[in-house]
C-alpha atoms as a PDB file:
ATOM      1  CA  MET A   1     144.496  31.319 306.501  1.00  0.00           C
ATOM      2  CA  SER A   2     143.078  27.837 305.912  1.00  0.00           C
ATOM      3  CA  ARG A   3     139.562  26.972 306.935  1.00  0.00           C
ATOM      4  CA  LYS A   4     137.795  23.693 307.627  1.00  0.00           C
ATOM      5  CA  VAL A   5     134.145  23.289 308.583  1.00  0.00           C
ATOM      6  CA  TRP A   6     132.435  20.236 310.039  1.00  0.00           C
ATOM      7  CA  SER A   7     128.662  19.967 310.404  1.00  0.00           C
ATOM      8  CA  ILE A   8     127.419  17.440 312.974  1.00  0.00           C
ATOM      9  CA  ASP A   9     123.938  16.266 313.970  1.00  0.00           C
ATOM     10  CA  ILE A  10     123.675  15.502 317.693  1.00  0.00           C
ATOM     11  CA  GLY A  11     120.316  14.603 319.161  1.00  0.00           C
ATOM     12  CA  GLY A  12     118.491  16.097 316.184  1.00  0.00           C
ATOM     13  CA  ASN A  13     120.359  19.418 316.431  1.00  0.00           C
ATOM     14  CA  ARG A  14     122.864  20.647 313.848  1.00  0.00           C
ATOM     15  CA  HIS A  15     126.233  21.858 315.215  1.00  0.00           C
ATOM     16  CA  VAL A  16     129.052  23.506 313.276  1.00  0.00           C
ATOM     17  CA  VAL A  17     132.756  23.304 314.135  1.00  0.00           C
ATOM     18  CA  ASP A  18     134.736  25.953 312.253  1.00  0.00           C
ATOM     19  CA  LEU A  19     138.555  25.856 312.227  1.00  0.00           C
ATOM     20  CA  HIS A  20     140.698  28.742 310.969  1.00  0.00           C
ATOM     21  CA  TYR A  21     144.405  27.839 310.847  1.00  0.00           C
ATOM     22  CA  ASN A  22     147.560  29.412 309.444  1.00  0.00           C
ATOM     23  CA  TRP A  23     150.213  26.795 308.626  1.00  0.00           C
ATOM     24  CA  PHE A  24     152.894  29.471 308.258  1.00  0.00           C
ATOM     25  CA  THR A  25     152.463  31.167 311.659  1.00  0.00           C
ATOM     26  CA  LEU A  26     150.808  28.160 313.385  1.00  0.00           C
ATOM     27  CA  SER A  27     148.096  30.465 314.704  1.00  0.00           C
ATOM     28  CA  GLY A  28     144.403  29.705 314.603  1.00  0.00           C
ATOM     29  CA  LYS A  29     141.033  29.476 316.283  1.00  0.00           C
ATOM     30  CA  VAL A  30     138.199  27.000 316.808  1.00  0.00           C
ATOM     31  CA  ILE A  31     134.597  28.226 316.732  1.00  0.00           C
ATOM     32  CA  VAL A  32     131.663  25.969 317.689  1.00  0.00           C
ATOM     33  CA  ASP A  33     128.142  27.120 316.832  1.00  0.00           C
ATOM     34  CA  GLY A  34     129.405  30.697 316.477  1.00  0.00           C
ATOM     35  CA  ASN A  35     131.176  30.715 319.868  1.00  0.00           C
ATOM     36  CA  LEU A  36     134.950  31.028 320.093  1.00  0.00           C
ATOM     37  CA  ILE A  37     136.260  27.940 321.917  1.00  0.00           C
ATOM     38  CA  GLU A  38     139.998  28.546 321.666  1.00  0.00           C
ATOM     39  CA  ASP A  39     142.438  30.733 319.801  1.00  0.00           C
ATOM     40  CA  TRP A  40     146.215  30.694 319.723  1.00  0.00           C
ATOM     41  CA  SER A  41     149.058  32.557 318.092  1.00  0.00           C
ATOM     42  CA  ALA A  42     152.657  31.940 317.101  1.00  0.00           C
ATOM     43  CA  ALA A  43     152.646  28.223 317.926  1.00  0.00           C
ATOM     44  CA  LEU A  44     150.159  25.469 318.518  1.00  0.00           C
ATOM     45  CA  LYS A  45     150.209  24.617 322.230  1.00  0.00           C
ATOM     46  CA  SER A  46     149.215  21.026 321.715  1.00  0.00           C
ATOM     47  CA  LYS A  47     148.496  18.643 318.897  1.00  0.00           C
ATOM     48  CA  GLU A  48     144.987  18.144 320.313  1.00  0.00           C
ATOM     49  CA  ILE A  49     142.250  20.524 321.420  1.00  0.00           C
ATOM     50  CA  ASN A  50     139.466  19.144 323.639  1.00  0.00           C
ATOM     51  CA  PHE A  51     136.021  20.768 323.805  1.00  0.00           C
ATOM     52  CA  ILE A  52     132.269  20.013 323.899  1.00  0.00           C
ATOM     53  CA  VAL A  53     129.885  19.948 320.913  1.00  0.00           C
ATOM     54  CA  GLY A  54     126.270  19.781 322.014  1.00  0.00           C
ATOM     55  CA  ASP A  55     126.552  17.378 324.928  1.00  0.00           C
ATOM     56  CA  LYS A  56     129.360  15.252 323.423  1.00  0.00           C
ATOM     57  CA  SER A  57     133.102  15.414 323.956  1.00  0.00           C
ATOM     58  CA  ALA A  58     135.169  16.402 320.929  1.00  0.00           C
ATOM     59  CA  ILE A  59     138.860  16.302 320.067  1.00  0.00           C
ATOM     60  CA  LEU A  60     140.447  18.211 317.205  1.00  0.00           C
ATOM     61  CA  LYS A  61     143.744  16.507 316.309  1.00  0.00           C
ATOM     62  CA  PHE A  62     146.465  18.214 314.319  1.00  0.00           C
ATOM     63  CA  ILE A  63     148.637  15.854 312.284  1.00  0.00           C
ATOM     64  CA  ILE A  64     151.819  17.756 311.551  1.00  0.00           C
ATOM     65  CA  ASN A  65     154.743  16.165 309.713  1.00  0.00           C
ATOM     66  CA  LEU A  66     157.241  16.868 306.974  1.00  0.00           C
ATOM     67  CA  VAL A  67     156.421  13.900 304.715  1.00  0.00           C
ATOM     68  CA  THR A  68     152.719  14.304 303.924  1.00  0.00           C
ATOM     69  CA  PRO A  69     150.424  17.349 303.892  1.00  0.00           C
ATOM     70  CA  ASN A  70     149.364  18.510 307.337  1.00  0.00           C
ATOM     71  CA  LYS A  71     145.769  17.782 308.256  1.00  0.00           C
ATOM     72  CA  GLN A  72     143.249  18.030 311.039  1.00  0.00           C
ATOM     73  CA  GLU A  73     140.806  15.379 312.211  1.00  0.00           C
ATOM     74  CA  LEU A  74     137.705  15.968 314.319  1.00  0.00           C
ATOM     75  CA  TYR A  75     136.435  13.224 316.634  1.00  0.00           C
ATOM     76  CA  VAL A  76     133.090  13.549 318.418  1.00  0.00           C
ATOM     77  CA  ASP A  77     132.170  10.971 321.045  1.00  0.00           C
ATOM     78  CA  GLY A  78     135.123   8.890 319.807  1.00  0.00           C
ATOM     79  CA  PHE A  79     134.060   8.822 316.139  1.00  0.00           C
ATOM     80  CA  LEU A  80     135.853  10.507 313.226  1.00  0.00           C
ATOM     81  CA  VAL A  81     133.683  13.217 311.615  1.00  0.00           C
ATOM     82  CA  ASN A  82     133.956  13.828 307.861  1.00  0.00           C
ATOM     83  CA  GLN A  83     134.665  17.390 306.799  1.00  0.00           C
ATOM     84  CA  SER A  84     131.660  19.299 305.422  1.00  0.00           C
ATOM     85  CA  LYS A  85     133.479  21.662 303.068  1.00  0.00           C
END
C-alpha cells in the first residue's frame, strides 16, 4: 500500500493528512490528525474527497490515467499543499 503524508500549519497549529492507497485494488483511507475521515475498498468512489483540516476546507484529488504515473494532490483553502514525505 502506498502512503503520502502532508503536514500543514493552520492558525499556528500543525495538522497531518495521511493517505494510504492501494493502486492495485483501488482501496484506501484518509486520516487527518489521527482521525479516520474516509475509507473505501475495491474502487474509488470519486476522483475527489472533500473534508475539513483545522477550520479550512480541503480536497484530495486523485489523478488517474494510463499515460503518466498516478498521483494525488491535496488542496487546503484552495491552495496546493506540497507533500511532506
